[in-house]
Amino acid sequence: MMSLLVKYKFGLVGILVGGILGYAYYHFIGCTTGSCAITSKPLNSTAYGTVMGYLMFSVFQPKVKEENA
């Protein structure tokens, strides 16, 4: 389990940071009319933030060489 966390640490940190920033975007900027697809609900903006956070942080994840045993 710990090796899995170490292996994907950048992606997991990206999910956490993206979720926090997605909710913060909803809370501070958000859409007051409810017509915005992403920012009208906190779940939507948090989910979008987690996906974007994972994609942004996983770019910095080093490639793991697999050994053929």
PDB file of N, CA and C in Angstrom:
ATOM      1  N   MET A   1       0.825  -1.199   0.000  1.00  0.00           N
ATOM      2  CA  MET A   1       0.000   0.000   0.000  1.00  0.00           C
ATOM      3  C   MET A   1       0.862   1.253   0.000  1.00  0.00           C
ATOM      4  N   MET A   2       1.913   1.229   0.826  1.00  0.00           N
ATOM      5  CA  MET A   2       2.776   2.401   0.918  1.00  0.00           C
ATOM      6  C   MET A   2       3.528   2.637  -0.391  1.00  0.00           C
ATOM      7  N   SER A   3       3.923   1.552  -1.067  1.00  0.00           N
ATOM      8  CA  SER A   3       4.624   1.723  -2.339  1.00  0.00           C
ATOM      9  C   SER A   3       3.703   2.329  -3.392  1.00  0.00           C
ATOM     10  N   LEU A   4       2.417   2.017  -3.301  1.00  0.00           N
ATOM     11  CA  LEU A   4       1.447   2.604  -4.224  1.00  0.00           C
ATOM     12  C   LEU A   4       1.314   4.105  -3.985  1.00  0.00           C
ATOM     13  N   LEU A   5       1.301   4.512  -2.718  1.00  0.00           N
ATOM     14  CA  LEU A   5       1.223   5.939  -2.391  1.00  0.00           C
ATOM     15  C   LEU A   5       2.470   6.677  -2.852  1.00  0.00           C
ATOM     16  N   VAL A   6       3.624   6.052  -2.683  1.00  0.00           N
ATOM     17  CA  VAL A   6       4.875   6.682  -3.108  1.00  0.00           C
ATOM     18  C   VAL A   6       4.941   6.754  -4.628  1.00  0.00           C
ATOM     19  N   LYS A   7       4.458   5.715  -5.287  1.00  0.00           N
ATOM     20  CA  LYS A   7       4.507   5.663  -6.746  1.00  0.00           C
ATOM     21  C   LYS A   7       3.645   6.760  -7.383  1.00  0.00           C
ATOM     22  N   TYR A   8       2.494   7.016  -6.804  1.00  0.00           N
ATOM     23  CA  TYR A   8       1.559   7.989  -7.374  1.00  0.00           C
ATOM     24  C   TYR A   8       1.421   9.244  -6.519  1.00  0.00           C
ATOM     25  N   LYS A   9       2.481   9.641  -5.839  1.00  0.00           N
ATOM     26  CA  LYS A   9       2.382  10.769  -4.912  1.00  0.00           C
ATOM     27  C   LYS A   9       2.048  12.080  -5.611  1.00  0.00           C
ATOM     28  N   PHE A  10       2.599  12.324  -6.784  1.00  0.00           N
ATOM     29  CA  PHE A  10       2.299  13.576  -7.476  1.00  0.00           C
ATOM     30  C   PHE A  10       0.839  13.625  -7.917  1.00  0.00           C
ATOM     31  N   GLY A  11       0.312  12.531  -8.402  1.00  0.00           N
ATOM     32  CA  GLY A  11      -1.094  12.488  -8.795  1.00  0.00           C
ATOM     33  C   GLY A  11      -2.029  12.676  -7.620  1.00  0.00           C
ATOM     34  N   LEU A  12      -1.703  12.047  -6.491  1.00  0.00           N
ATOM     35  CA  LEU A  12      -2.549  12.174  -5.303  1.00  0.00           C
ATOM     36  C   LEU A  12      -2.510  13.583  -4.721  1.00  0.00           C
ATOM     37  N   VAL A  13      -1.338  14.186  -4.723  1.00  0.00           N
ATOM     38  CA  VAL A  13      -1.231  15.575  -4.258  1.00  0.00           C
ATOM     39  C   VAL A  13      -2.009  16.489  -5.200  1.00  0.00           C
ATOM     40  N   GLY A  14      -1.942  16.217  -6.487  1.00  0.00           N
ATOM     41  CA  GLY A  14      -2.700  16.999  -7.459  1.00  0.00           C
ATOM     42  C   GLY A  14      -4.196  16.896  -7.256  1.00  0.00           C
ATOM     43  N   ILE A  15      -4.669  15.702  -6.922  1.00  0.00           N
ATOM     44  CA  ILE A  15      -6.096  15.512  -6.643  1.00  0.00           C
ATOM     45  C   ILE A  15      -6.511  16.326  -5.426  1.00  0.00           C
ATOM     46  N   LEU A  16      -5.704  16.282  -4.385  1.00  0.00           N
ATOM     47  CA  LEU A  16      -6.019  17.020  -3.158  1.00  0.00           C
ATOM     48  C   LEU A  16      -6.003  18.532  -3.392  1.00  0.00           C
ATOM     49  N   VAL A  17      -4.948  19.020  -4.014  1.00  0.00           N
ATOM     50  CA  VAL A  17      -4.829  20.460  -4.269  1.00  0.00           C
ATOM     51  C   VAL A  17      -5.913  20.925  -5.243  1.00  0.00           C
ATOM     52  N   GLY A  18      -6.161  20.153  -6.286  1.00  0.00           N
ATOM     53  CA  GLY A  18      -7.187  20.512  -7.257  1.00  0.00           C
ATOM     54  C   GLY A  18      -8.575  20.550  -6.657  1.00  0.00           C
ATOM     55  N   GLY A  19      -8.871  19.605  -5.775  1.00  0.00           N
ATOM     56  CA  GLY A  19     -10.173  19.599  -5.111  1.00  0.00           C
ATOM     57  C   GLY A  19     -10.368  20.813  -4.230  1.00  0.00           C
ATOM     58  N   ILE A  20      -9.328  21.162  -3.489  1.00  0.00           N
ATOM     59  CA  ILE A  20      -9.406  22.348  -2.623  1.00  0.00           C
ATOM     60  C   ILE A  20      -9.571  23.609  -3.458  1.00  0.00           C
ATOM     61  N   LEU A  21      -8.781  23.729  -4.515  1.00  0.00           N
ATOM     62  CA  LEU A  21      -8.878  24.923  -5.360  1.00  0.00           C
ATOM     63  C   LEU A  21     -10.195  24.969  -6.136  1.00  0.00           C
ATOM     64  N   GLY A  22     -10.711  23.816  -6.536  1.00  0.00           N
ATOM     65  CA  GLY A  22     -12.003  23.775  -7.222  1.00  0.00           C
ATOM     66  C   GLY A  22     -13.129  24.253  -6.329  1.00  0.00           C
ATOM     67  N   TYR A  23     -13.122  23.802  -5.073  1.00  0.00           N
ATOM     68  CA  TYR A  23     -14.152  24.261  -4.140  1.00  0.00           C
ATOM     69  C   TYR A  23     -13.971  25.739  -3.815  1.00  0.00           C
ATOM     70  N   ALA A  24     -12.719  26.179  -3.671  1.00  0.00           N
ATOM     71  CA  ALA A  24     -12.462  27.597  -3.398  1.00  0.00           C
ATOM     72  C   ALA A  24     -12.952  28.465  -4.553  1.00  0.00           C
ATOM     73  N   TYR A  25     -12.780  27.979  -5.782  1.00  0.00           N
ATOM     74  CA  TYR A  25     -13.274  28.723  -6.941  1.00  0.00           C
ATOM     75  C   TYR A  25     -14.797  28.847  -6.879  1.00  0.00           C
ATOM     76  N   TYR A  26     -15.472  27.759  -6.529  1.00  0.00           N
ATOM     77  CA  TYR A  26     -16.930  27.813  -6.387  1.00  0.00           C
ATOM     78  C   TYR A  26     -17.329  28.794  -5.290  1.00  0.00           C
ATOM     79  N   HIS A  27     -16.640  28.730  -4.166  1.00  0.00           N
ATOM     80  CA  HIS A  27     -17.020  29.528  -3.001  1.00  0.00           C
ATOM     81  C   HIS A  27     -16.782  31.022  -3.222  1.00  0.00           C
ATOM     82  N   PHE A  28     -15.637  31.380  -3.783  1.00  0.00           N
ATOM     83  CA  PHE A  28     -15.283  32.794  -3.897  1.00  0.00           C
ATOM     84  C   PHE A  28     -15.699  33.420  -5.223  1.00  0.00           C
ATOM     85  N   ILE A  29     -15.679  32.681  -6.308  1.00  0.00           N
ATOM     86  CA  ILE A  29     -15.973  33.264  -7.620  1.00  0.00           C
ATOM     87  C   ILE A  29     -17.328  32.790  -8.123  1.00  0.00           C
ATOM     88  N   GLY A  30     -17.566  31.491  -8.115  1.00  0.00           N
ATOM     89  CA  GLY A  30     -18.822  30.828  -8.460  1.00  0.00           C
ATOM     90  C   GLY A  30     -19.814  31.569  -9.327  1.00  0.00           C
ATOM     91  N   CYS A  31     -20.839  30.881  -9.695  1.00  0.00           N
ATOM     92  CA  CYS A  31     -21.884  31.425 -10.555  1.00  0.00           C
ATOM     93  C   CYS A  31     -23.131  31.673  -9.710  1.00  0.00           C
ATOM     94  N   THR A  32     -23.592  32.892  -9.647  1.00  0.00           N
ATOM     95  CA  THR A  32     -24.747  33.223  -8.809  1.00  0.00           C
ATOM     96  C   THR A  32     -26.076  32.920  -9.496  1.00  0.00           C
ATOM     97  N   THR A  33     -26.093  32.871 -10.818  1.00  0.00           N
ATOM     98  CA  THR A  33     -27.349  32.646 -11.527  1.00  0.00           C
ATOM     99  C   THR A  33     -27.699  31.172 -11.654  1.00  0.00           C
ATOM    100  N   GLY A  34     -26.725  30.293 -11.526  1.00  0.00           N
ATOM    101  CA  GLY A  34     -26.970  28.859 -11.662  1.00  0.00           C
ATOM    102  C   GLY A  34     -26.930  28.364 -13.089  1.00  0.00           C
ATOM    103  N   SER A  35     -26.588  29.219 -14.037  1.00  0.00           N
ATOM    104  CA  SER A  35     -26.562  28.810 -15.440  1.00  0.00           C
ATOM    105  C   SER A  35     -25.191  28.311 -15.897  1.00  0.00           C
ATOM    106  N   CYS A  36     -24.199  28.415 -15.045  1.00  0.00           N
ATOM    107  CA  CYS A  36     -22.854  27.955 -15.394  1.00  0.00           C
ATOM    108  C   CYS A  36     -22.755  26.451 -15.143  1.00  0.00           C
ATOM    109  N   ALA A  37     -22.222  25.724 -16.098  1.00  0.00           N
ATOM    110  CA  ALA A  37     -22.191  24.262 -15.995  1.00  0.00           C
ATOM    111  C   ALA A  37     -21.248  23.770 -14.901  1.00  0.00           C
ATOM    112  N   ILE A  38     -20.082  24.363 -14.781  1.00  0.00           N
ATOM    113  CA  ILE A  38     -19.083  23.862 -13.834  1.00  0.00           C
ATOM    114  C   ILE A  38     -19.221  24.514 -12.471  1.00  0.00           C
ATOM    115  N   THR A  39     -19.423  25.804 -12.417  1.00  0.00           N
ATOM    116  CA  THR A  39     -19.365  26.517 -11.138  1.00  0.00           C
ATOM    117  C   THR A  39     -20.715  26.709 -10.461  1.00  0.00           C
ATOM    118  N   SER A  40     -21.779  26.123 -10.984  1.00  0.00           N
ATOM    119  CA  SER A  40     -23.086  26.325 -10.356  1.00  0.00           C
ATOM    120  C   SER A  40     -23.276  25.463  -9.112  1.00  0.00           C
ATOM    121  N   LYS A  41     -22.571  24.341  -9.023  1.00  0.00           N
ATOM    122  CA  LYS A  41     -22.682  23.444  -7.864  1.00  0.00           C
ATOM    123  C   LYS A  41     -21.284  23.147  -7.327  1.00  0.00           C
ATOM    124  N   PRO A  42     -21.140  23.023  -6.014  1.00  0.00           N
ATOM    125  CA  PRO A  42     -19.807  22.761  -5.452  1.00  0.00           C
ATOM    126  C   PRO A  42     -19.245  21.402  -5.865  1.00  0.00           C
ATOM    127  N   LEU A  43     -20.104  20.418  -6.060  1.00  0.00           N
ATOM    128  CA  LEU A  43     -19.624  19.102  -6.466  1.00  0.00           C
ATOM    129  C   LEU A  43     -19.002  19.149  -7.862  1.00  0.00           C
ATOM    130  N   ASN A  44     -19.629  19.892  -8.764  1.00  0.00           N
ATOM    131  CA  ASN A  44     -19.102  19.998 -10.125  1.00  0.00           C
ATOM    132  C   ASN A  44     -17.738  20.679 -10.151  1.00  0.00           C
ATOM    133  N   SER A  45     -17.612  21.795  -9.466  1.00  0.00           N
ATOM    134  CA  SER A  45     -16.339  22.516  -9.505  1.00  0.00           C
ATOM    135  C   SER A  45     -15.249  21.763  -8.749  1.00  0.00           C
ATOM    136  N   THR A  46     -15.606  21.036  -7.681  1.00  0.00           N
ATOM    137  CA  THR A  46     -14.615  20.240  -6.966  1.00  0.00           C
ATOM    138  C   THR A  46     -14.154  19.066  -7.820  1.00  0.00           C
ATOM    139  N   ALA A  47     -15.078  18.399  -8.488  1.00  0.00           N
ATOM    140  CA  ALA A  47     -14.711  17.282  -9.365  1.00  0.00           C
ATOM    141  C   ALA A  47     -13.845  17.765 -10.521  1.00  0.00           C
ATOM    142  N   TYR A  48     -14.201  18.889 -11.116  1.00  0.00           N
ATOM    143  CA  TYR A  48     -13.398  19.456 -12.197  1.00  0.00           C
ATOM    144  C   TYR A  48     -12.007  19.818 -11.686  1.00  0.00           C
ATOM    145  N   GLY A  49     -11.939  20.373 -10.490  1.00  0.00           N
ATOM    146  CA  GLY A  49     -10.647  20.719  -9.903  1.00  0.00           C
ATOM    147  C   GLY A  49      -9.781  19.503  -9.646  1.00  0.00           C
ATOM    148  N   THR A  50     -10.387  18.395  -9.191  1.00  0.00           N
ATOM    149  CA  THR A  50      -9.596  17.191  -8.944  1.00  0.00           C
ATOM    150  C   THR A  50      -9.039  16.614 -10.238  1.00  0.00           C
ATOM    151  N   VAL A  51      -9.841  16.619 -11.285  1.00  0.00           N
ATOM    152  CA  VAL A  51      -9.366  16.111 -12.579  1.00  0.00           C
ATOM    153  C   VAL A  51      -8.243  16.995 -13.116  1.00  0.00           C
ATOM    154  N   MET A  52      -8.436  18.298 -13.075  1.00  0.00           N
ATOM    155  CA  MET A  52      -7.398  19.205 -13.562  1.00  0.00           C
ATOM    156  C   MET A  52      -6.137  19.129 -12.697  1.00  0.00           C
ATOM    157  N   GLY A  53      -6.311  19.004 -11.394  1.00  0.00           N
ATOM    158  CA  GLY A  53      -5.164  18.875 -10.501  1.00  0.00           C
ATOM    159  C   GLY A  53      -4.369  17.623 -10.784  1.00  0.00           C
ATOM    160  N   TYR A  54      -5.067  16.503 -11.004  1.00  0.00           N
ATOM    161  CA  TYR A  54      -4.364  15.261 -11.326  1.00  0.00           C
ATOM    162  C   TYR A  54      -3.603  15.392 -12.636  1.00  0.00           C
ATOM    163  N   LEU A  55      -4.247  15.956 -13.642  1.00  0.00           N
ATOM    164  CA  LEU A  55      -3.580  16.098 -14.937  1.00  0.00           C
ATOM    165  C   LEU A  55      -2.367  17.020 -14.856  1.00  0.00           C
ATOM    166  N   MET A  56      -2.482  18.104 -14.102  1.00  0.00           N
ATOM    167  CA  MET A  56      -1.368  19.051 -13.988  1.00  0.00           C
ATOM    168  C   MET A  56      -0.202  18.469 -13.201  1.00  0.00           C
ATOM    169  N   PHE A  57      -0.485  17.793 -12.093  1.00  0.00           N
ATOM    170  CA  PHE A  57       0.583  17.278 -11.244  1.00  0.00           C
ATOM    171  C   PHE A  57       1.179  15.981 -11.780  1.00  0.00           C
ATOM    172  N   SER A  58       0.417  15.191 -12.508  1.00  0.00           N
ATOM    173  CA  SER A  58       0.946  13.928 -13.015  1.00  0.00           C
ATOM    174  C   SER A  58       1.974  14.144 -14.119  1.00  0.00           C
ATOM    175  N   VAL A  59       2.022  15.330 -14.674  1.00  0.00           N
ATOM    176  CA  VAL A  59       3.044  15.649 -15.671  1.00  0.00           C
ATOM    177  C   VAL A  59       4.433  15.567 -15.041  1.00  0.00           C
ATOM    178  N   PHE A  60       4.537  15.903 -13.761  1.00  0.00           N
ATOM    179  CA  PHE A  60       5.822  15.917 -13.074  1.00  0.00           C
ATOM    180  C   PHE A  60       6.194  14.566 -12.473  1.00  0.00           C
ATOM    181  N   GLN A  61       5.341  13.574 -12.647  1.00  0.00           N
ATOM    182  CA  GLN A  61       5.602  12.245 -12.092  1.00  0.00           C
ATOM    183  C   GLN A  61       6.651  11.543 -12.953  1.00  0.00           C
ATOM    184  N   PRO A  62       7.736  11.067 -12.334  1.00  0.00           N
ATOM    185  CA  PRO A  62       8.781  10.403 -13.125  1.00  0.00           C
ATOM    186  C   PRO A  62       8.291   9.062 -13.669  1.00  0.00           C
ATOM    187  N   LYS A  63       8.827   8.694 -14.824  1.00  0.00           N
ATOM    188  CA  LYS A  63       8.480   7.414 -15.433  1.00  0.00           C
ATOM    189  C   LYS A  63       9.108   6.289 -14.625  1.00  0.00           C
ATOM    190  N   VAL A  64       8.355   5.235 -14.417  1.00  0.00           N
ATOM    191  CA  VAL A  64       8.849   4.079 -13.670  1.00  0.00           C
ATOM    192  C   VAL A  64       9.236   3.000 -14.668  1.00  0.00           C
ATOM    193  N   LYS A  65      10.478   2.541 -14.571  1.00  0.00           N
ATOM    194  CA  LYS A  65      10.939   1.480 -15.458  1.00  0.00           C
ATOM    195  C   LYS A  65      10.462   0.140 -14.918  1.00  0.00           C
ATOM    196  N   GLU A  66       9.825  -0.632 -15.782  1.00  0.00           N
ATOM    197  CA  GLU A  66       9.348  -1.949 -15.378  1.00  0.00           C
ATOM    198  C   GLU A  66      10.395  -2.990 -15.739  1.00  0.00           C
ATOM    199  N   GLU A  67      10.633  -3.894 -14.817  1.00  0.00           N
ATOM    200  CA  GLU A  67      11.579  -4.975 -15.060  1.00  0.00           C
ATOM    201  C   GLU A  67      10.811  -6.212 -15.491  1.00  0.00           C
ATOM    202  N   ASN A  68      11.277  -6.839 -16.544  1.00  0.00           N
ATOM    203  CA  ASN A  68      10.667  -8.090 -16.989  1.00  0.00           C
ATOM    204  C   ASN A  68      11.302  -9.236 -16.225  1.00  0.00           C
ATOM    205  N   ALA A  69      10.548  -9.838 -15.340  1.00  0.00           N
ATOM    206  CA  ALA A  69      11.111 -10.927 -14.524  1.00  0.00           C
ATOM    207  C   ALA A  69      10.572 -12.265 -14.944  1.00  0.00           C
TER     208      ALA A  69
END
